Amino acid sequence: MIFVRCVGHIGTSVGREEFQVDAEGLSLGELVEMVRGMCKEPEPGFDRFNTIAMVEEGEAFVAAASVERLRAGQKVVLIPFSHGG
């Protein structure tokens, strides 16, 4: 299981800020697309190109730029570009 925390309007769109997914082996871009599929709106205001991802309290980077594959037990925080301070 991957532990996911969604900040700002991503959490609002999904309807919860924290959850777990069985997503071992996915890239961060694929994870963001999976989270988009969980949203209530048909076209949420975030995607892999405008979402910052932080894995295991490490560096933050655009989800689409990462080739890293997620492993069981990892924690990921998804932050929209539009999120304030």
PDB file of N, CA and C in Angstrom:
ATOM      1  N   MET A   1       0.837  -1.184   0.000  1.00  0.00           N
ATOM      2  CA  MET A   1       0.000   0.000   0.000  1.00  0.00           C
ATOM      3  C   MET A   1       0.882   1.247   0.000  1.00  0.00           C
ATOM      4  N   ILE A   2       0.425   2.239  -0.733  1.00  0.00           N
ATOM      5  CA  ILE A   2       1.069   3.552  -0.768  1.00  0.00           C
ATOM      6  C   ILE A   2       0.170   4.497   0.022  1.00  0.00           C
ATOM      7  N   PHE A   3       0.775   5.286   0.900  1.00  0.00           N
ATOM      8  CA  PHE A   3       0.038   6.246   1.708  1.00  0.00           C
ATOM      9  C   PHE A   3       0.062   7.589   0.980  1.00  0.00           C
ATOM     10  N   VAL A   4      -1.118   8.138   0.689  1.00  0.00           N
ATOM     11  CA  VAL A   4      -1.225   9.363  -0.099  1.00  0.00           C
ATOM     12  C   VAL A   4      -1.882  10.448   0.737  1.00  0.00           C
ATOM     13  N   ARG A   5      -1.283  11.641   0.722  1.00  0.00           N
ATOM     14  CA  ARG A   5      -1.871  12.818   1.360  1.00  0.00           C
ATOM     15  C   ARG A   5      -2.060  13.862   0.271  1.00  0.00           C
ATOM     16  N   CYS A   6      -3.255  14.400   0.172  1.00  0.00           N
ATOM     17  CA  CYS A   6      -3.588  15.392  -0.861  1.00  0.00           C
ATOM     18  C   CYS A   6      -3.819  16.736  -0.197  1.00  0.00           C
ATOM     19  N   VAL A   7      -3.089  17.737  -0.649  1.00  0.00           N
ATOM     20  CA  VAL A   7      -3.152  19.070  -0.072  1.00  0.00           C
ATOM     21  C   VAL A   7      -4.019  19.975  -0.957  1.00  0.00           C
ATOM     22  N   GLY A   8      -4.663  20.955  -0.333  1.00  0.00           N
ATOM     23  CA  GLY A   8      -5.425  21.965  -1.064  1.00  0.00           C
ATOM     24  C   GLY A   8      -6.593  21.395  -1.842  1.00  0.00           C
ATOM     25  N   HIS A   9      -6.811  21.928  -3.048  1.00  0.00           N
ATOM     26  CA  HIS A   9      -7.991  21.544  -3.817  1.00  0.00           C
ATOM     27  C   HIS A   9      -7.921  20.105  -4.333  1.00  0.00           C
ATOM     28  N   ILE A  10      -6.754  19.463  -4.287  1.00  0.00           N
ATOM     29  CA  ILE A  10      -6.702  18.046  -4.665  1.00  0.00           C
ATOM     30  C   ILE A  10      -7.490  17.228  -3.640  1.00  0.00           C
ATOM     31  N   GLY A  11      -7.243  17.473  -2.359  1.00  0.00           N
ATOM     32  CA  GLY A  11      -7.995  16.782  -1.305  1.00  0.00           C
ATOM     33  C   GLY A  11      -9.477  17.074  -1.367  1.00  0.00           C
ATOM     34  N   THR A  12      -9.823  18.319  -1.676  1.00  0.00           N
ATOM     35  CA  THR A  12     -11.232  18.695  -1.808  1.00  0.00           C
ATOM     36  C   THR A  12     -11.877  17.949  -2.971  1.00  0.00           C
ATOM     37  N   SER A  13     -11.173  17.878  -4.096  1.00  0.00           N
ATOM     38  CA  SER A  13     -11.712  17.197  -5.273  1.00  0.00           C
ATOM     39  C   SER A  13     -11.913  15.707  -5.036  1.00  0.00           C
ATOM     40  N   VAL A  14     -10.998  15.101  -4.292  1.00  0.00           N
ATOM     41  CA  VAL A  14     -11.091  13.664  -4.013  1.00  0.00           C
ATOM     42  C   VAL A  14     -12.114  13.383  -2.913  1.00  0.00           C
ATOM     43  N   GLY A  15     -12.323  14.361  -2.036  1.00  0.00           N
ATOM     44  CA  GLY A  15     -13.270  14.183  -0.942  1.00  0.00           C
ATOM     45  C   GLY A  15     -12.635  13.712   0.345  1.00  0.00           C
ATOM     46  N   ARG A  16     -11.319  13.637   0.351  1.00  0.00           N
ATOM     47  CA  ARG A  16     -10.578  13.290   1.578  1.00  0.00           C
ATOM     48  C   ARG A  16      -9.119  13.670   1.375  1.00  0.00           C
ATOM     49  N   GLU A  17      -8.441  13.926   2.477  1.00  0.00           N
ATOM     50  CA  GLU A  17      -7.051  14.368   2.395  1.00  0.00           C
ATOM     51  C   GLU A  17      -6.054  13.224   2.466  1.00  0.00           C
ATOM     52  N   GLU A  18      -6.416  12.134   3.107  1.00  0.00           N
ATOM     53  CA  GLU A  18      -5.484  11.019   3.255  1.00  0.00           C
ATOM     54  C   GLU A  18      -6.171   9.706   2.933  1.00  0.00           C
ATOM     55  N   PHE A  19      -5.448   8.828   2.258  1.00  0.00           N
ATOM     56  CA  PHE A  19      -5.958   7.501   1.940  1.00  0.00           C
ATOM     57  C   PHE A  19      -4.800   6.617   1.510  1.00  0.00           C
ATOM     58  N   GLN A  20      -5.081   5.365   1.321  1.00  0.00           N
ATOM     59  CA  GLN A  20      -4.083   4.405   0.863  1.00  0.00           C
ATOM     60  C   GLN A  20      -4.531   3.804  -0.457  1.00  0.00           C
ATOM     61  N   VAL A  21      -3.571   3.519  -1.321  1.00  0.00           N
ATOM     62  CA  VAL A  21      -3.879   2.858  -2.585  1.00  0.00           C
ATOM     63  C   VAL A  21      -2.924   1.688  -2.777  1.00  0.00           C
ATOM     64  N   ASP A  22      -3.404   0.676  -3.441  1.00  0.00           N
ATOM     65  CA  ASP A  22      -2.564  -0.456  -3.792  1.00  0.00           C
ATOM     66  C   ASP A  22      -1.925  -0.120  -5.132  1.00  0.00           C
ATOM     67  N   ALA A  23      -0.842   0.652  -5.081  1.00  0.00           N
ATOM     68  CA  ALA A  23      -0.276   1.217  -6.302  1.00  0.00           C
ATOM     69  C   ALA A  23       1.208   0.932  -6.445  1.00  0.00           C
ATOM     70  N   GLU A  24       1.669  -0.110  -5.834  1.00  0.00           N
ATOM     71  CA  GLU A  24       3.097  -0.419  -5.914  1.00  0.00           C
ATOM     72  C   GLU A  24       3.511  -0.595  -7.376  1.00  0.00           C
ATOM     73  N   GLY A  25       4.628   0.031  -7.735  1.00  0.00           N
ATOM     74  CA  GLY A  25       5.147  -0.075  -9.085  1.00  0.00           C
ATOM     75  C   GLY A  25       4.698   1.042 -10.016  1.00  0.00           C
ATOM     76  N   LEU A  26       3.736   1.856  -9.589  1.00  0.00           N
ATOM     77  CA  LEU A  26       3.285   2.979 -10.419  1.00  0.00           C
ATOM     78  C   LEU A  26       4.296   4.120 -10.363  1.00  0.00           C
ATOM     79  N   SER A  27       4.347   4.903 -11.422  1.00  0.00           N
ATOM     80  CA  SER A  27       5.119   6.145 -11.381  1.00  0.00           C
ATOM     81  C   SER A  27       4.254   7.202 -10.682  1.00  0.00           C
ATOM     82  N   LEU A  28       4.868   8.323 -10.331  1.00  0.00           N
ATOM     83  CA  LEU A  28       4.087   9.394  -9.703  1.00  0.00           C
ATOM     84  C   LEU A  28       3.054   9.963 -10.660  1.00  0.00           C
ATOM     85  N   GLY A  29       3.395  10.084 -11.927  1.00  0.00           N
ATOM     86  CA  GLY A  29       2.427  10.557 -12.919  1.00  0.00           C
ATOM     87  C   GLY A  29       1.225   9.638 -12.996  1.00  0.00           C
ATOM     88  N   GLU A  30       1.470   8.332 -12.956  1.00  0.00           N
ATOM     89  CA  GLU A  30       0.375   7.360 -12.988  1.00  0.00           C
ATOM     90  C   GLU A  30      -0.463   7.448 -11.717  1.00  0.00           C
ATOM     91  N   LEU A  31       0.193   7.705 -10.582  1.00  0.00           N
ATOM     92  CA  LEU A  31      -0.548   7.868  -9.324  1.00  0.00           C
ATOM     93  C   LEU A  31      -1.463   9.085  -9.403  1.00  0.00           C
ATOM     94  N   VAL A  32      -0.956  10.203  -9.930  1.00  0.00           N
ATOM     95  CA  VAL A  32      -1.783  11.405 -10.051  1.00  0.00           C
ATOM     96  C   VAL A  32      -2.986  11.121 -10.944  1.00  0.00           C
ATOM     97  N   GLU A  33      -2.789  10.412 -12.038  1.00  0.00           N
ATOM     98  CA  GLU A  33      -3.912  10.069 -12.917  1.00  0.00           C
ATOM     99  C   GLU A  33      -4.916   9.172 -12.189  1.00  0.00           C
ATOM    100  N   MET A  34      -4.438   8.261 -11.348  1.00  0.00           N
ATOM    101  CA  MET A  34      -5.332   7.407 -10.557  1.00  0.00           C
ATOM    102  C   MET A  34      -6.155   8.264  -9.595  1.00  0.00           C
ATOM    103  N   VAL A  35      -5.499   9.228  -8.943  1.00  0.00           N
ATOM    104  CA  VAL A  35      -6.185  10.115  -8.000  1.00  0.00           C
ATOM    105  C   VAL A  35      -7.206  10.975  -8.752  1.00  0.00           C
ATOM    106  N   ARG A  36      -6.877  11.448  -9.944  1.00  0.00           N
ATOM    107  CA  ARG A  36      -7.847  12.203 -10.759  1.00  0.00           C
ATOM    108  C   ARG A  36      -9.106  11.372 -11.010  1.00  0.00           C
ATOM    109  N   GLY A  37      -8.933  10.083 -11.215  1.00  0.00           N
ATOM    110  CA  GLY A  37     -10.071   9.200 -11.443  1.00  0.00           C
ATOM    111  C   GLY A  37     -10.958   9.031 -10.228  1.00  0.00           C
ATOM    112  N   MET A  38     -10.451   9.379  -9.039  1.00  0.00           N
ATOM    113  CA  MET A  38     -11.221   9.278  -7.803  1.00  0.00           C
ATOM    114  C   MET A  38     -12.041  10.534  -7.530  1.00  0.00           C
ATOM    115  N   CYS A  39     -11.856  11.575  -8.340  1.00  0.00           N
ATOM    116  CA  CYS A  39     -12.496  12.869  -8.102  1.00  0.00           C
ATOM    117  C   CYS A  39     -13.969  12.857  -8.456  1.00  0.00           C
ATOM    118  N   LYS A  40     -14.701  13.737  -7.784  1.00  0.00           N
ATOM    119  CA  LYS A  40     -16.131  13.888  -8.021  1.00  0.00           C
ATOM    120  C   LYS A  40     -16.406  14.598  -9.341  1.00  0.00           C
ATOM    121  N   GLU A  41     -15.568  15.585  -9.703  1.00  0.00           N
ATOM    122  CA  GLU A  41     -15.762  16.324 -10.943  1.00  0.00           C
ATOM    123  C   GLU A  41     -15.216  15.530 -12.119  1.00  0.00           C
ATOM    124  N   PRO A  42     -15.807  15.707 -13.287  1.00  0.00           N
ATOM    125  CA  PRO A  42     -15.289  15.008 -14.464  1.00  0.00           C
ATOM    126  C   PRO A  42     -13.934  15.551 -14.917  1.00  0.00           C
ATOM    127  N   GLU A  43     -13.648  16.824 -14.655  1.00  0.00           N
ATOM    128  CA  GLU A  43     -12.374  17.422 -15.044  1.00  0.00           C
ATOM    129  C   GLU A  43     -11.787  18.211 -13.872  1.00  0.00           C
ATOM    130  N   PRO A  44     -11.089  17.515 -12.950  1.00  0.00           N
ATOM    131  CA  PRO A  44     -10.510  18.221 -11.801  1.00  0.00           C
ATOM    132  C   PRO A  44      -9.420  19.184 -12.262  1.00  0.00           C
ATOM    133  N   GLY A  45      -9.122  20.164 -11.452  1.00  0.00           N
ATOM    134  CA  GLY A  45      -8.178  21.207 -11.824  1.00  0.00           C
ATOM    135  C   GLY A  45      -6.722  20.862 -11.583  1.00  0.00           C
ATOM    136  N   PHE A  46      -6.373  19.604 -11.607  1.00  0.00           N
ATOM    137  CA  PHE A  46      -4.972  19.225 -11.445  1.00  0.00           C
ATOM    138  C   PHE A  46      -4.673  18.037 -12.353  1.00  0.00           C
ATOM    139  N   ASP A  47      -3.410  17.913 -12.699  1.00  0.00           N
ATOM    140  CA  ASP A  47      -2.950  16.763 -13.475  1.00  0.00           C
ATOM    141  C   ASP A  47      -1.471  16.528 -13.155  1.00  0.00           C
ATOM    142  N   ARG A  48      -0.848  15.610 -13.831  1.00  0.00           N
ATOM    143  CA  ARG A  48       0.546  15.275 -13.511  1.00  0.00           C
ATOM    144  C   ARG A  48       1.519  16.384 -13.885  1.00  0.00           C
ATOM    145  N   PHE A  49       1.086  17.353 -14.693  1.00  0.00           N
ATOM    146  CA  PHE A  49       1.958  18.447 -15.105  1.00  0.00           C
ATOM    147  C   PHE A  49       1.880  19.660 -14.187  1.00  0.00           C
ATOM    148  N   ASN A  50       0.833  19.772 -13.376  1.00  0.00           N
ATOM    149  CA  ASN A  50       0.719  20.918 -12.468  1.00  0.00           C
ATOM    150  C   ASN A  50       0.558  20.482 -11.016  1.00  0.00           C
ATOM    151  N   THR A  51       1.080  19.289 -10.702  1.00  0.00           N
ATOM    152  CA  THR A  51       1.033  18.769  -9.340  1.00  0.00           C
ATOM    153  C   THR A  51       2.449  18.482  -8.869  1.00  0.00           C
ATOM    154  N   ILE A  52       2.787  19.013  -7.722  1.00  0.00           N
ATOM    155  CA  ILE A  52       4.086  18.746  -7.109  1.00  0.00           C
ATOM    156  C   ILE A  52       3.925  17.507  -6.230  1.00  0.00           C
ATOM    157  N   ALA A  53       4.885  16.600  -6.316  1.00  0.00           N
ATOM    158  CA  ALA A  53       4.845  15.388  -5.501  1.00  0.00           C
ATOM    159  C   ALA A  53       6.074  15.348  -4.602  1.00  0.00           C
ATOM    160  N   MET A  54       5.866  14.936  -3.371  1.00  0.00           N
ATOM    161  CA  MET A  54       6.965  14.753  -2.436  1.00  0.00           C
ATOM    162  C   MET A  54       6.867  13.327  -1.907  1.00  0.00           C
ATOM    163  N   VAL A  55       7.934  12.562  -2.064  1.00  0.00           N
ATOM    164  CA  VAL A  55       7.958  11.177  -1.624  1.00  0.00           C
ATOM    165  C   VAL A  55       8.841  11.055  -0.390  1.00  0.00           C
ATOM    166  N   GLU A  56       8.281  10.473   0.666  1.00  0.00           N
ATOM    167  CA  GLU A  56       9.043  10.213   1.896  1.00  0.00           C
ATOM    168  C   GLU A  56       9.756  11.445   2.442  1.00  0.00           C
ATOM    169  N   GLU A  57       9.070  12.577   2.451  1.00  0.00           N
ATOM    170  CA  GLU A  57       9.607  13.821   2.994  1.00  0.00           C
ATOM    171  C   GLU A  57      10.916  14.228   2.330  1.00  0.00           C
ATOM    172  N   GLY A  58      11.104  13.807   1.085  1.00  0.00           N
ATOM    173  CA  GLY A  58      12.295  14.164   0.320  1.00  0.00           C
ATOM    174  C   GLY A  58      12.054  15.405  -0.502  1.00  0.00           C
ATOM    175  N   GLU A  59      12.721  15.480  -1.629  1.00  0.00           N
ATOM    176  CA  GLU A  59      12.565  16.622  -2.514  1.00  0.00           C
ATOM    177  C   GLU A  59      11.178  16.630  -3.153  1.00  0.00           C
ATOM    178  N   ALA A  60      10.710  17.818  -3.475  1.00  0.00           N
ATOM    179  CA  ALA A  60       9.431  17.960  -4.169  1.00  0.00           C
ATOM    180  C   ALA A  60       9.713  18.267  -5.636  1.00  0.00           C
ATOM    181  N   PHE A  61       8.938  17.669  -6.532  1.00  0.00           N
ATOM    182  CA  PHE A  61       9.131  17.870  -7.958  1.00  0.00           C
ATOM    183  C   PHE A  61       7.824  17.633  -8.685  1.00  0.00           C
ATOM    184  N   VAL A  62       7.752  18.071  -9.938  1.00  0.00           N
ATOM    185  CA  VAL A  62       6.555  17.875 -10.741  1.00  0.00           C
ATOM    186  C   VAL A  62       6.386  16.379 -10.993  1.00  0.00           C
ATOM    187  N   ALA A  63       5.190  15.877 -10.740  1.00  0.00           N
ATOM    188  CA  ALA A  63       4.943  14.430 -10.851  1.00  0.00           C
ATOM    189  C   ALA A  63       5.290  13.883 -12.232  1.00  0.00           C
ATOM    190  N   ALA A  64       5.032  14.637 -13.287  1.00  0.00           N
ATOM    191  CA  ALA A  64       5.289  14.167 -14.649  1.00  0.00           C
ATOM    192  C   ALA A  64       6.780  14.029 -14.936  1.00  0.00           C
ATOM    193  N   ALA A  65       7.630  14.708 -14.164  1.00  0.00           N
ATOM    194  CA  ALA A  65       9.067  14.687 -14.417  1.00  0.00           C
ATOM    195  C   ALA A  65       9.774  13.494 -13.771  1.00  0.00           C
ATOM    196  N   SER A  66       9.079  12.744 -12.967  1.00  0.00           N
ATOM    197  CA  SER A  66       9.697  11.648 -12.231  1.00  0.00           C
ATOM    198  C   SER A  66       9.539  10.313 -12.947  1.00  0.00           C
ATOM    199  N   VAL A  67      10.596   9.536 -12.946  1.00  0.00           N
ATOM    200  CA  VAL A  67      10.529   8.171 -13.474  1.00  0.00           C
ATOM    201  C   VAL A  67      10.543   7.158 -12.324  1.00  0.00           C
ATOM    202  N   GLU A  68      10.612   7.676 -11.097  1.00  0.00           N
ATOM    203  CA  GLU A  68      10.648   6.818  -9.914  1.00  0.00           C
ATOM    204  C   GLU A  68       9.393   5.957  -9.826  1.00  0.00           C
ATOM    205  N   ARG A  69       9.568   4.718  -9.439  1.00  0.00           N
ATOM    206  CA  ARG A  69       8.450   3.798  -9.222  1.00  0.00           C
ATOM    207  C   ARG A  69       8.205   3.692  -7.724  1.00  0.00           C
ATOM    208  N   LEU A  70       6.944   3.732  -7.344  1.00  0.00           N
ATOM    209  CA  LEU A  70       6.578   3.701  -5.926  1.00  0.00           C
ATOM    210  C   LEU A  70       6.664   2.290  -5.371  1.00  0.00           C
ATOM    211  N   ARG A  71       7.094   2.219  -4.121  1.00  0.00           N
ATOM    212  CA  ARG A  71       7.213   0.938  -3.426  1.00  0.00           C
ATOM    213  C   ARG A  71       6.234   0.893  -2.254  1.00  0.00           C
ATOM    214  N   ALA A  72       5.857  -0.299  -1.877  1.00  0.00           N
ATOM    215  CA  ALA A  72       4.936  -0.486  -0.749  1.00  0.00           C
ATOM    216  C   ALA A  72       5.473   0.220   0.488  1.00  0.00           C
ATOM    217  N   GLY A  73       4.569   0.881   1.197  1.00  0.00           N
ATOM    218  CA  GLY A  73       4.917   1.558   2.435  1.00  0.00           C
ATOM    219  C   GLY A  73       5.366   2.994   2.273  1.00  0.00           C
ATOM    220  N   GLN A  74       5.599   3.444   1.044  1.00  0.00           N
ATOM    221  CA  GLN A  74       6.039   4.818   0.851  1.00  0.00           C
ATOM    222  C   GLN A  74       4.890   5.791   1.095  1.00  0.00           C
ATOM    223  N   LYS A  75       5.271   7.011   1.492  1.00  0.00           N
ATOM    224  CA  LYS A  75       4.313   8.090   1.717  1.00  0.00           C
ATOM    225  C   LYS A  75       4.526   9.146   0.647  1.00  0.00           C
ATOM    226  N   VAL A  76       3.419   9.579   0.040  1.00  0.00           N
ATOM    227  CA  VAL A  76       3.464  10.579  -1.027  1.00  0.00           C
ATOM    228  C   VAL A  76       2.529  11.724  -0.661  1.00  0.00           C
ATOM    229  N   VAL A  77       3.008  12.947  -0.824  1.00  0.00           N
ATOM    230  CA  VAL A  77       2.166  14.124  -0.650  1.00  0.00           C
ATOM    231  C   VAL A  77       2.010  14.760  -2.016  1.00  0.00           C
ATOM    232  N   LEU A  78       0.767  15.016  -2.423  1.00  0.00           N
ATOM    233  CA  LEU A  78       0.454  15.662  -3.697  1.00  0.00           C
ATOM    234  C   LEU A  78       0.010  17.091  -3.419  1.00  0.00           C
ATOM    235  N   ILE A  79       0.707  18.051  -4.036  1.00  0.00           N
ATOM    236  CA  ILE A  79       0.474  19.466  -3.775  1.00  0.00           C
ATOM    237  C   ILE A  79       0.180  20.169  -5.097  1.00  0.00           C
ATOM    238  N   PRO A  80      -0.964  20.859  -5.223  1.00  0.00           N
ATOM    239  CA  PRO A  80      -1.238  21.582  -6.466  1.00  0.00           C
ATOM    240  C   PRO A  80      -0.361  22.842  -6.558  1.00  0.00           C
ATOM    241  N   PHE A  81       0.010  23.244  -7.767  1.00  0.00           N
ATOM    242  CA  PHE A  81       0.780  24.470  -7.963  1.00  0.00           C
ATOM    243  C   PHE A  81       0.097  25.661  -7.313  1.00  0.00           C
ATOM    244  N   SER A  82      -1.226  25.673  -7.337  1.00  0.00           N
ATOM    245  CA  SER A  82      -1.980  26.828  -6.863  1.00  0.00           C
ATOM    246  C   SER A  82      -2.095  26.897  -5.345  1.00  0.00           C
ATOM    247  N   HIS A  83      -1.488  25.960  -4.629  1.00  0.00           N
ATOM    248  CA  HIS A  83      -1.609  25.935  -3.173  1.00  0.00           C
ATOM    249  C   HIS A  83      -0.732  27.010  -2.548  1.00  0.00           C
ATOM    250  N   GLY A  84      -1.303  27.773  -1.641  1.00  0.00           N
ATOM    251  CA  GLY A  84      -0.549  28.841  -0.980  1.00  0.00           C
ATOM    252  C   GLY A  84       0.372  28.327   0.106  1.00  0.00           C
ATOM    253  N   GLY A  85       1.283  29.160   0.514  1.00  0.00           N
ATOM    254  CA  GLY A  85       2.290  29.061   1.488  1.00  0.00           C
ATOM    255  C   GLY A  85       2.503  28.014   2.382  1.00  0.00           C
TER     256      GLY A  85
END
